[in-house]
Amino acid sequence: MGSDHKHRVCTFKEAEDAIKANEKIYINDCFCRGPARDGNAAWEYCGHAVETCMGFHPPGGDDPPYSFREINQEEALGLFENWKNQGHFFRFMENESWICFCCRCGCGFFRDKEGNQVEDSCDKGSHIEKTNSDTCNLCGKCVDVCSYDARAVEDDVMKTVSVKCYGCSACEFVCPEEAITMVPR
């Protein structure tokens, strides 16, 4: 799919802090799932929420022609919590003036022009996961939410491929043992 805008995966905390730092918040349809829902993408619509692109400035200029609406912080944080609790992730775009609510199955950055799944083309986040193997109980919840296939339980050991970690913090959020923390990359 590609974009002229710079994208970077961010942690849940970074996304939440950005929402809390802005009083004017605008929401519109996802630039990936919206076209897929409408039959205008090379892949099928995944069924996840569409109204999920959140901006911190009034739309205009080069912004795509979608229906933007202004929302308050409370609604923005509610949408954020809902998306986070579904096991998805976030990315900044346009120098952190927008947050994309992303899912691997519907995000165009995981697709080529024909709609085939490819490696994510955006920048990795400023953080990376660190797992404490002494407290990890190998439940696999972190494996299930990792959109980047950076985690696996093999031979009763949690295996993490650090070069695949984009730093989204979904694994940290779901870990019942708090065995995962995000550290600067």
N, C-alpha and C. Protein backbone atom coordinates (compact mmCIF):
# COMPACT_ATOMS: atom_id res chain seq x y z
N MET A 1 0.83 -1.18 0.00
CA MET A 1 0.00 0.00 0.00
C MET A 1 0.87 1.25 0.00
N GLY A 2 1.70 1.36 1.02
CA GLY A 2 2.62 2.48 1.10
C GLY A 2 1.95 3.80 1.47
N SER A 3 2.77 4.80 1.73
CA SER A 3 2.26 6.11 2.10
C SER A 3 3.37 7.13 1.95
N ASP A 4 2.98 8.36 1.72
CA ASP A 4 3.94 9.44 1.69
C ASP A 4 4.27 9.91 3.10
N HIS A 5 3.52 9.45 4.08
CA HIS A 5 3.69 9.89 5.46
C HIS A 5 4.57 8.91 6.21
N LYS A 6 5.40 9.43 7.08
CA LYS A 6 6.26 8.61 7.91
C LYS A 6 5.43 7.95 9.01
N HIS A 7 5.59 6.65 9.19
CA HIS A 7 4.88 5.90 10.23
C HIS A 7 5.89 5.28 11.18
N ARG A 8 5.52 5.22 12.45
CA ARG A 8 6.35 4.58 13.46
C ARG A 8 5.45 3.91 14.48
N VAL A 9 5.72 2.64 14.76
CA VAL A 9 4.98 1.93 15.80
C VAL A 9 5.28 2.61 17.13
N CYS A 10 4.28 2.69 17.99
CA CYS A 10 4.47 3.29 19.31
C CYS A 10 3.91 2.36 20.39
N THR A 11 4.38 2.56 21.60
CA THR A 11 3.88 1.77 22.72
C THR A 11 2.48 2.28 23.10
N PHE A 12 1.78 1.47 23.88
CA PHE A 12 0.47 1.88 24.38
C PHE A 12 0.60 3.18 25.19
N LYS A 13 1.66 3.27 26.00
CA LYS A 13 1.85 4.47 26.82
C LYS A 13 2.06 5.70 25.95
N GLU A 14 2.87 5.58 24.90
CA GLU A 14 3.09 6.73 24.01
C GLU A 14 1.78 7.17 23.36
N ALA A 15 0.97 6.22 22.92
CA ALA A 15 -0.31 6.55 22.29
C ALA A 15 -1.23 7.24 23.31
N GLU A 16 -1.32 6.68 24.50
CA GLU A 16 -2.18 7.27 25.53
C GLU A 16 -1.69 8.66 25.91
N ASP A 17 -0.39 8.85 26.06
CA ASP A 17 0.16 10.16 26.40
C ASP A 17 -0.17 11.19 25.32
N ALA A 18 -0.10 10.80 24.05
CA ALA A 18 -0.41 11.72 22.96
C ALA A 18 -1.87 12.14 23.01
N ILE A 19 -2.76 11.20 23.31
CA ILE A 19 -4.18 11.54 23.42
C ILE A 19 -4.41 12.50 24.58
N LYS A 20 -3.78 12.21 25.71
CA LYS A 20 -3.95 13.06 26.90
C LYS A 20 -3.34 14.45 26.73
N ALA A 21 -2.38 14.59 25.82
CA ALA A 21 -1.70 15.87 25.61
C ALA A 21 -2.46 16.78 24.65
N ASN A 22 -3.54 16.29 24.06
CA ASN A 22 -4.27 17.07 23.06
C ASN A 22 -5.73 17.24 23.44
N GLU A 23 -6.20 18.46 23.37
CA GLU A 23 -7.60 18.73 23.66
C GLU A 23 -8.46 18.59 22.41
N LYS A 24 -7.93 18.99 21.26
CA LYS A 24 -8.65 18.87 19.99
C LYS A 24 -8.26 17.53 19.36
N ILE A 25 -9.25 16.67 19.20
CA ILE A 25 -9.00 15.34 18.65
C ILE A 25 -10.03 15.09 17.55
N TYR A 26 -9.56 14.56 16.45
CA TYR A 26 -10.42 14.27 15.31
C TYR A 26 -10.30 12.79 14.99
N ILE A 27 -11.40 12.20 14.58
CA ILE A 27 -11.42 10.77 14.25
C ILE A 27 -11.99 10.61 12.85
N ASN A 28 -11.49 9.66 12.12
CA ASN A 28 -12.03 9.36 10.80
C ASN A 28 -11.80 7.88 10.49
N ASP A 29 -12.28 7.47 9.35
CA ASP A 29 -12.13 6.08 8.93
C ASP A 29 -10.67 5.72 8.68
N CYS A 30 -10.34 4.50 9.00
CA CYS A 30 -9.01 3.95 8.75
C CYS A 30 -8.71 4.02 7.25
N PHE A 31 -7.51 4.45 6.92
CA PHE A 31 -7.11 4.57 5.52
C PHE A 31 -6.92 3.20 4.86
N CYS A 32 -6.89 2.14 5.65
CA CYS A 32 -6.72 0.77 5.13
C CYS A 32 -8.03 -0.02 5.18
N ARG A 33 -8.63 -0.10 6.39
CA ARG A 33 -9.85 -0.88 6.53
C ARG A 33 -11.05 -0.23 5.85
N GLY A 34 -11.09 1.11 5.79
CA GLY A 34 -12.20 1.80 5.12
C GLY A 34 -12.30 1.39 3.66
N PRO A 35 -11.22 1.55 2.87
CA PRO A 35 -11.28 1.11 1.47
C PRO A 35 -11.55 -0.38 1.32
N ALA A 36 -11.01 -1.21 2.21
CA ALA A 36 -11.26 -2.66 2.13
C ALA A 36 -12.75 -2.94 2.37
N ARG A 37 -13.33 -2.28 3.35
CA ARG A 37 -14.76 -2.44 3.63
C ARG A 37 -15.60 -2.04 2.40
N ASP A 38 -15.16 -0.99 1.71
CA ASP A 38 -15.90 -0.48 0.57
C ASP A 38 -15.57 -1.19 -0.75
N GLY A 39 -14.72 -2.24 -0.67
CA GLY A 39 -14.35 -2.99 -1.87
C GLY A 39 -13.32 -2.30 -2.74
N ASN A 40 -12.58 -1.33 -2.17
CA ASN A 40 -11.60 -0.57 -2.93
C ASN A 40 -10.16 -0.89 -2.52
N ALA A 41 -9.92 -2.10 -2.08
CA ALA A 41 -8.57 -2.53 -1.71
C ALA A 41 -8.34 -3.92 -2.31
N ALA A 42 -7.09 -4.29 -2.39
CA ALA A 42 -6.73 -5.59 -2.98
C ALA A 42 -6.87 -6.73 -1.98
N TRP A 43 -7.36 -6.47 -0.78
CA TRP A 43 -7.57 -7.50 0.22
C TRP A 43 -8.97 -7.34 0.80
N GLU A 44 -9.45 -8.39 1.46
CA GLU A 44 -10.79 -8.36 2.03
C GLU A 44 -10.80 -7.61 3.35
N TYR A 45 -11.93 -7.01 3.64
CA TYR A 45 -12.14 -6.32 4.90
C TYR A 45 -12.08 -7.33 6.04
N CYS A 46 -11.31 -7.03 7.08
CA CYS A 46 -11.09 -7.95 8.19
C CYS A 46 -12.21 -7.93 9.23
N GLY A 47 -13.06 -6.92 9.20
CA GLY A 47 -14.16 -6.85 10.15
C GLY A 47 -13.89 -6.02 11.40
N HIS A 48 -12.67 -5.55 11.58
CA HIS A 48 -12.37 -4.71 12.74
C HIS A 48 -12.94 -3.30 12.54
N ALA A 49 -12.99 -2.55 13.62
CA ALA A 49 -13.53 -1.19 13.58
C ALA A 49 -12.85 -0.38 12.48
N VAL A 50 -13.63 0.50 11.88
CA VAL A 50 -13.11 1.32 10.78
C VAL A 50 -12.82 2.75 11.23
N GLU A 51 -13.64 3.31 12.09
CA GLU A 51 -13.42 4.68 12.53
C GLU A 51 -12.33 4.70 13.61
N THR A 52 -11.08 4.67 13.15
CA THR A 52 -9.97 4.47 14.09
C THR A 52 -8.74 5.32 13.81
N CYS A 53 -8.75 6.22 12.85
CA CYS A 53 -7.60 7.11 12.64
C CYS A 53 -7.84 8.38 13.45
N MET A 54 -6.93 8.67 14.36
CA MET A 54 -7.12 9.76 15.32
C MET A 54 -6.06 10.82 15.08
N GLY A 55 -6.52 12.06 14.88
CA GLY A 55 -5.59 13.16 14.62
C GLY A 55 -5.71 14.25 15.66
N PHE A 56 -4.64 15.05 15.76
CA PHE A 56 -4.57 16.10 16.77
C PHE A 56 -4.54 17.50 16.15
N HIS A 57 -5.00 17.63 14.93
CA HIS A 57 -5.14 18.93 14.28
C HIS A 57 -6.35 18.85 13.36
N PRO A 58 -6.95 19.97 13.05
CA PRO A 58 -8.10 19.93 12.14
C PRO A 58 -7.68 19.37 10.78
N PRO A 59 -8.48 18.50 10.19
CA PRO A 59 -8.13 17.94 8.89
C PRO A 59 -8.12 19.03 7.82
N GLY A 60 -7.30 18.83 6.84
CA GLY A 60 -7.22 19.79 5.74
C GLY A 60 -5.98 19.54 4.92
N GLY A 61 -5.77 20.35 3.94
CA GLY A 61 -4.58 20.21 3.11
C GLY A 61 -4.56 18.91 2.36
N ASP A 62 -3.60 18.08 2.65
CA ASP A 62 -3.41 16.81 1.94
C ASP A 62 -4.12 15.64 2.60
N ASP A 63 -4.92 15.89 3.64
CA ASP A 63 -5.61 14.78 4.30
C ASP A 63 -6.59 14.12 3.33
N PRO A 64 -6.71 12.79 3.39
CA PRO A 64 -7.63 12.08 2.49
C PRO A 64 -9.08 12.54 2.68
N PRO A 65 -9.90 12.39 1.68
CA PRO A 65 -11.29 12.86 1.76
C PRO A 65 -12.22 11.91 2.50
N TYR A 66 -11.98 11.74 3.79
CA TYR A 66 -12.84 10.92 4.62
C TYR A 66 -13.68 11.83 5.50
N SER A 67 -14.62 11.24 6.21
CA SER A 67 -15.48 12.00 7.11
C SER A 67 -14.81 12.12 8.47
N PHE A 68 -14.28 13.29 8.77
CA PHE A 68 -13.67 13.55 10.06
C PHE A 68 -14.73 14.09 11.00
N ARG A 69 -14.60 13.76 12.28
CA ARG A 69 -15.46 14.39 13.28
C ARG A 69 -14.62 14.65 14.51
N GLU A 70 -14.95 15.72 15.21
CA GLU A 70 -14.23 16.06 16.43
C GLU A 70 -14.80 15.24 17.57
N ILE A 71 -13.92 14.73 18.42
CA ILE A 71 -14.32 13.98 19.61
C ILE A 71 -13.59 14.57 20.82
N ASN A 72 -14.10 14.28 22.01
CA ASN A 72 -13.42 14.76 23.21
C ASN A 72 -12.42 13.71 23.70
N GLN A 73 -11.61 14.11 24.66
CA GLN A 73 -10.59 13.22 25.21
C GLN A 73 -11.19 11.95 25.79
N GLU A 74 -12.31 12.08 26.47
CA GLU A 74 -12.95 10.91 27.09
C GLU A 74 -13.31 9.86 26.03
N GLU A 75 -13.93 10.30 24.94
CA GLU A 75 -14.26 9.37 23.86
C GLU A 75 -13.00 8.78 23.22
N ALA A 76 -11.99 9.65 23.03
CA ALA A 76 -10.74 9.18 22.43
C ALA A 76 -10.08 8.12 23.31
N LEU A 77 -10.05 8.34 24.61
CA LEU A 77 -9.44 7.36 25.52
C LEU A 77 -10.27 6.08 25.58
N GLY A 78 -11.58 6.20 25.45
CA GLY A 78 -12.43 5.01 25.40
C GLY A 78 -12.14 4.17 24.17
N LEU A 79 -12.01 4.82 23.02
CA LEU A 79 -11.65 4.10 21.79
C LEU A 79 -10.28 3.45 21.92
N PHE A 80 -9.33 4.18 22.50
CA PHE A 80 -7.99 3.66 22.74
C PHE A 80 -8.03 2.41 23.61
N GLU A 81 -8.73 2.47 24.72
CA GLU A 81 -8.82 1.32 25.64
C GLU A 81 -9.45 0.11 24.95
N ASN A 82 -10.51 0.35 24.21
CA ASN A 82 -11.19 -0.74 23.51
C ASN A 82 -10.25 -1.43 22.53
N TRP A 83 -9.53 -0.65 21.75
CA TRP A 83 -8.62 -1.21 20.75
C TRP A 83 -7.48 -1.97 21.43
N LYS A 84 -6.93 -1.39 22.48
CA LYS A 84 -5.85 -2.02 23.24
C LYS A 84 -6.32 -3.34 23.83
N ASN A 85 -7.52 -3.36 24.38
CA ASN A 85 -8.05 -4.58 25.00
C ASN A 85 -8.37 -5.67 23.99
N GLN A 86 -8.51 -5.32 22.73
CA GLN A 86 -8.71 -6.32 21.68
C GLN A 86 -7.39 -6.96 21.23
N GLY A 87 -6.26 -6.45 21.73
CA GLY A 87 -4.97 -7.03 21.40
C GLY A 87 -4.33 -6.45 20.15
N HIS A 88 -4.74 -5.24 19.77
CA HIS A 88 -4.16 -4.60 18.60
C HIS A 88 -3.07 -3.62 19.02
N PHE A 89 -2.56 -2.86 18.06
CA PHE A 89 -1.46 -1.96 18.36
C PHE A 89 -1.68 -0.60 17.71
N PHE A 90 -0.74 0.31 17.93
CA PHE A 90 -0.86 1.70 17.46
C PHE A 90 0.42 2.10 16.74
N ARG A 91 0.25 3.07 15.85
CA ARG A 91 1.42 3.67 15.22
C ARG A 91 1.17 5.16 15.02
N PHE A 92 2.24 5.92 15.15
CA PHE A 92 2.18 7.35 14.85
C PHE A 92 2.38 7.55 13.37
N MET A 93 1.77 8.61 12.84
CA MET A 93 2.09 9.02 11.48
C MET A 93 2.09 10.54 11.43
N GLU A 94 2.67 11.06 10.37
CA GLU A 94 2.80 12.52 10.18
C GLU A 94 3.42 13.18 11.41
N ASN A 95 4.61 12.74 11.79
CA ASN A 95 5.33 13.34 12.92
C ASN A 95 4.50 13.37 14.20
N GLU A 96 3.83 12.28 14.44
CA GLU A 96 3.05 12.07 15.66
C GLU A 96 1.82 12.96 15.77
N SER A 97 1.35 13.49 14.65
CA SER A 97 0.12 14.29 14.69
C SER A 97 -1.11 13.42 14.44
N TRP A 98 -0.91 12.17 14.12
CA TRP A 98 -2.00 11.19 13.96
C TRP A 98 -1.58 9.89 14.61
N ILE A 99 -2.58 9.14 15.10
CA ILE A 99 -2.35 7.79 15.60
C ILE A 99 -3.24 6.85 14.80
N CYS A 100 -2.63 5.83 14.22
CA CYS A 100 -3.40 4.77 13.55
C CYS A 100 -3.66 3.66 14.56
N PHE A 101 -4.88 3.16 14.60
CA PHE A 101 -5.23 1.99 15.39
C PHE A 101 -5.10 0.82 14.43
N CYS A 102 -4.06 0.04 14.55
CA CYS A 102 -3.73 -0.96 13.53
C CYS A 102 -4.04 -2.39 13.95
N CYS A 103 -4.26 -3.22 12.94
CA CYS A 103 -4.37 -4.67 13.11
C CYS A 103 -3.63 -5.29 11.92
N ARG A 104 -2.99 -6.38 12.15
CA ARG A 104 -2.21 -7.02 11.09
C ARG A 104 -3.10 -7.46 9.93
N CYS A 105 -4.31 -7.88 10.22
CA CYS A 105 -5.18 -8.44 9.18
C CYS A 105 -5.78 -7.39 8.26
N GLY A 106 -5.87 -6.15 8.70
CA GLY A 106 -6.50 -5.13 7.87
C GLY A 106 -5.62 -3.97 7.49
N CYS A 107 -4.40 -3.94 7.99
CA CYS A 107 -3.49 -2.81 7.76
C CYS A 107 -2.80 -2.94 6.41
N GLY A 108 -2.86 -1.90 5.61
CA GLY A 108 -2.23 -1.89 4.30
C GLY A 108 -0.72 -1.93 4.34
N PHE A 109 -0.12 -1.62 5.49
CA PHE A 109 1.32 -1.67 5.61
C PHE A 109 1.84 -3.11 5.73
N PHE A 110 0.91 -4.05 5.91
CA PHE A 110 1.25 -5.47 5.90
C PHE A 110 0.88 -6.11 4.56
N ARG A 111 0.62 -5.29 3.54
CA ARG A 111 0.16 -5.79 2.23
C ARG A 111 0.97 -5.19 1.09
N ASP A 112 1.14 -5.98 0.03
CA ASP A 112 1.71 -5.43 -1.19
C ASP A 112 0.57 -4.97 -2.10
N LYS A 113 0.88 -4.52 -3.29
CA LYS A 113 -0.15 -3.98 -4.19
C LYS A 113 -1.20 -5.01 -4.59
N GLU A 114 -0.83 -6.29 -4.55
CA GLU A 114 -1.77 -7.36 -4.88
C GLU A 114 -2.58 -7.82 -3.68
N GLY A 115 -2.27 -7.28 -2.49
CA GLY A 115 -3.00 -7.64 -1.28
C GLY A 115 -2.38 -8.78 -0.49
N ASN A 116 -1.23 -9.27 -0.91
CA ASN A 116 -0.55 -10.35 -0.20
C ASN A 116 0.12 -9.81 1.07
N GLN A 117 0.15 -10.63 2.12
CA GLN A 117 0.80 -10.20 3.36
C GLN A 117 2.30 -10.11 3.16
N VAL A 118 2.88 -9.03 3.68
CA VAL A 118 4.32 -8.77 3.63
C VAL A 118 4.76 -8.25 4.99
N GLU A 119 6.06 -8.06 5.15
CA GLU A 119 6.59 -7.48 6.38
C GLU A 119 6.17 -6.01 6.46
N ASP A 120 5.88 -5.54 7.65
CA ASP A 120 5.45 -4.16 7.85
C ASP A 120 6.51 -3.19 7.34
N SER A 121 6.08 -2.17 6.62
CA SER A 121 7.02 -1.22 6.03
C SER A 121 7.25 0.03 6.87
N CYS A 122 6.66 0.12 8.05
CA CYS A 122 6.86 1.33 8.85
C CYS A 122 8.08 1.17 9.76
N ASP A 123 8.43 2.28 10.41
CA ASP A 123 9.58 2.27 11.30
C ASP A 123 9.25 1.57 12.62
N LYS A 124 10.26 0.94 13.18
CA LYS A 124 10.11 0.32 14.49
C LYS A 124 10.02 1.42 15.55
N GLY A 125 9.39 1.08 16.66
CA GLY A 125 9.22 2.03 17.74
C GLY A 125 10.50 2.30 18.49
N SER A 126 10.44 3.25 19.40
CA SER A 126 11.61 3.66 20.18
C SER A 126 11.92 2.69 21.32
N HIS A 127 11.02 1.71 21.55
CA HIS A 127 11.20 0.74 22.63
C HIS A 127 11.22 -0.68 22.07
N ILE A 128 11.68 -1.59 22.89
CA ILE A 128 11.72 -3.00 22.54
C ILE A 128 11.37 -3.80 23.79
N GLU A 129 10.85 -5.00 23.59
CA GLU A 129 10.45 -5.81 24.75
C GLU A 129 11.65 -6.40 25.45
N LYS A 130 11.50 -6.61 26.74
CA LYS A 130 12.49 -7.34 27.54
C LYS A 130 11.69 -8.30 28.41
N THR A 131 11.97 -9.59 28.29
CA THR A 131 11.22 -10.62 29.01
C THR A 131 12.06 -11.19 30.14
N ASN A 132 11.49 -11.25 31.32
CA ASN A 132 12.13 -11.87 32.47
C ASN A 132 11.74 -13.35 32.45
N SER A 133 12.67 -14.20 32.06
CA SER A 133 12.38 -15.63 31.94
C SER A 133 12.11 -16.30 33.28
N ASP A 134 12.54 -15.66 34.38
CA ASP A 134 12.28 -16.23 35.71
C ASP A 134 10.81 -16.11 36.10
N THR A 135 10.12 -15.08 35.62
CA THR A 135 8.71 -14.90 35.98
C THR A 135 7.74 -15.29 34.87
N CYS A 136 8.23 -15.51 33.66
CA CYS A 136 7.37 -15.91 32.54
C CYS A 136 6.84 -17.32 32.80
N ASN A 137 5.51 -17.49 32.67
CA ASN A 137 4.91 -18.81 32.92
C ASN A 137 4.60 -19.56 31.62
N LEU A 138 5.07 -19.02 30.48
CA LEU A 138 4.90 -19.65 29.15
C LEU A 138 3.43 -19.81 28.76
N CYS A 139 2.58 -18.89 29.20
CA CYS A 139 1.15 -19.00 28.89
C CYS A 139 0.86 -18.77 27.41
N GLY A 140 1.72 -18.03 26.72
CA GLY A 140 1.55 -17.80 25.29
C GLY A 140 0.65 -16.65 24.91
N LYS A 141 0.12 -15.92 25.88
CA LYS A 141 -0.74 -14.77 25.54
C LYS A 141 0.01 -13.73 24.72
N CYS A 142 1.28 -13.53 25.03
CA CYS A 142 2.10 -12.56 24.30
C CYS A 142 2.33 -13.02 22.86
N VAL A 143 2.43 -14.31 22.66
CA VAL A 143 2.60 -14.87 21.31
C VAL A 143 1.36 -14.57 20.47
N ASP A 144 0.19 -14.75 21.08
CA ASP A 144 -1.07 -14.55 20.37
C ASP A 144 -1.27 -13.12 19.90
N VAL A 145 -0.79 -12.12 20.66
CA VAL A 145 -1.02 -10.72 20.29
C VAL A 145 0.11 -10.11 19.48
N CYS A 146 1.20 -10.82 19.29
CA CYS A 146 2.33 -10.24 18.57
C CYS A 146 2.05 -10.22 17.06
N SER A 147 1.82 -9.03 16.54
CA SER A 147 1.55 -8.87 15.10
C SER A 147 2.79 -9.07 14.25
N TYR A 148 3.93 -9.15 14.86
CA TYR A 148 5.19 -9.22 14.13
C TYR A 148 5.87 -10.59 14.22
N ASP A 149 5.19 -11.57 14.80
CA ASP A 149 5.74 -12.92 14.93
C ASP A 149 7.13 -12.93 15.57
N ALA A 150 7.30 -12.08 16.57
CA ALA A 150 8.59 -11.98 17.25
C ALA A 150 8.70 -12.91 18.46
N ARG A 151 7.60 -13.60 18.80
CA ARG A 151 7.60 -14.41 20.02
C ARG A 151 7.07 -15.81 19.73
N ALA A 152 7.62 -16.80 20.43
CA ALA A 152 7.13 -18.17 20.31
C ALA A 152 7.57 -18.95 21.55
N VAL A 153 6.75 -19.92 21.93
CA VAL A 153 7.14 -20.85 22.99
C VAL A 153 7.63 -22.11 22.29
N GLU A 154 8.93 -22.42 22.49
CA GLU A 154 9.54 -23.60 21.86
C GLU A 154 10.31 -24.38 22.92
N ASP A 155 10.06 -25.66 22.98
CA ASP A 155 10.76 -26.53 23.94
C ASP A 155 10.70 -25.97 25.36
N ASP A 156 9.50 -25.52 25.76
CA ASP A 156 9.27 -24.98 27.10
C ASP A 156 10.15 -23.76 27.42
N VAL A 157 10.44 -22.97 26.39
CA VAL A 157 11.21 -21.74 26.56
C VAL A 157 10.55 -20.64 25.73
N MET A 158 10.45 -19.44 26.29
CA MET A 158 9.96 -18.30 25.53
C MET A 158 11.08 -17.82 24.62
N LYS A 159 10.86 -17.87 23.34
CA LYS A 159 11.84 -17.42 22.35
C LYS A 159 11.38 -16.07 21.81
N THR A 160 12.28 -15.11 21.80
CA THR A 160 11.97 -13.80 21.25
C THR A 160 13.03 -13.46 20.21
N VAL A 161 12.57 -13.04 19.04
CA VAL A 161 13.47 -12.62 17.98
C VAL A 161 13.47 -11.09 18.01
N SER A 162 14.46 -10.51 18.65
CA SER A 162 14.49 -9.07 18.88
C SER A 162 14.43 -8.25 17.61
N VAL A 163 15.05 -8.70 16.53
CA VAL A 163 15.02 -7.92 15.29
C VAL A 163 13.62 -7.85 14.69
N LYS A 164 12.72 -8.74 15.10
CA LYS A 164 11.34 -8.70 14.62
C LYS A 164 10.44 -7.84 15.51
N CYS A 165 10.89 -7.49 16.70
CA CYS A 165 10.07 -6.71 17.63
C CYS A 165 10.00 -5.26 17.17
N TYR A 166 8.76 -4.78 16.95
CA TYR A 166 8.55 -3.39 16.54
C TYR A 166 8.30 -2.47 17.73
N GLY A 167 8.15 -3.03 18.93
CA GLY A 167 7.99 -2.22 20.13
C GLY A 167 6.60 -1.69 20.38
N CYS A 168 5.58 -2.48 20.03
CA CYS A 168 4.20 -1.99 20.18
C CYS A 168 3.67 -2.11 21.61
N SER A 169 4.22 -2.95 22.41
CA SER A 169 3.89 -3.20 23.83
C SER A 169 2.63 -4.02 24.06
N ALA A 170 2.06 -4.62 23.01
CA ALA A 170 0.90 -5.49 23.20
C ALA A 170 1.25 -6.67 24.11
N CYS A 171 2.45 -7.20 23.96
CA CYS A 171 2.89 -8.33 24.79
C CYS A 171 2.97 -7.94 26.26
N GLU A 172 3.50 -6.76 26.52
CA GLU A 172 3.61 -6.27 27.90
C GLU A 172 2.22 -6.14 28.52
N PHE A 173 1.27 -5.62 27.77
CA PHE A 173 -0.07 -5.40 28.27
C PHE A 173 -0.78 -6.70 28.65
N VAL A 174 -0.62 -7.76 27.87
CA VAL A 174 -1.36 -8.99 28.13
C VAL A 174 -0.67 -9.94 29.10
N CYS A 175 0.56 -9.69 29.44
CA CYS A 175 1.31 -10.63 30.29
C CYS A 175 0.73 -10.66 31.71
N PRO A 176 0.16 -11.80 32.13
CA PRO A 176 -0.44 -11.87 33.47
C PRO A 176 0.60 -11.87 34.59
N GLU A 177 1.83 -12.18 34.27
CA GLU A 177 2.89 -12.26 35.28
C GLU A 177 3.74 -10.99 35.34
N GLU A 178 3.44 -10.02 34.47
CA GLU A 178 4.24 -8.80 34.35
C GLU A 178 5.71 -9.13 34.11
N ALA A 179 5.93 -10.16 33.30
CA ALA A 179 7.29 -10.61 32.97
C ALA A 179 7.90 -9.82 31.82
N ILE A 180 7.10 -9.00 31.16
CA ILE A 180 7.57 -8.25 29.99
C ILE A 180 7.53 -6.76 30.30
N THR A 181 8.61 -6.09 29.99
CA THR A 181 8.65 -4.63 30.10
C THR A 181 9.19 -4.07 28.79
N MET A 182 8.84 -2.83 28.53
CA MET A 182 9.35 -2.15 27.34
C MET A 182 10.53 -1.30 27.78
N VAL A 183 11.64 -1.43 27.07
CA VAL A 183 12.86 -0.67 27.38
C VAL A 183 13.29 0.09 26.13
N PRO A 184 14.05 1.19 26.31
CA PRO A 184 14.50 1.92 25.12
C PRO A 184 15.30 1.00 24.18
N ARG A 185 15.06 1.18 22.90
CA ARG A 185 15.72 0.35 21.88
C ARG A 185 17.20 0.62 21.84
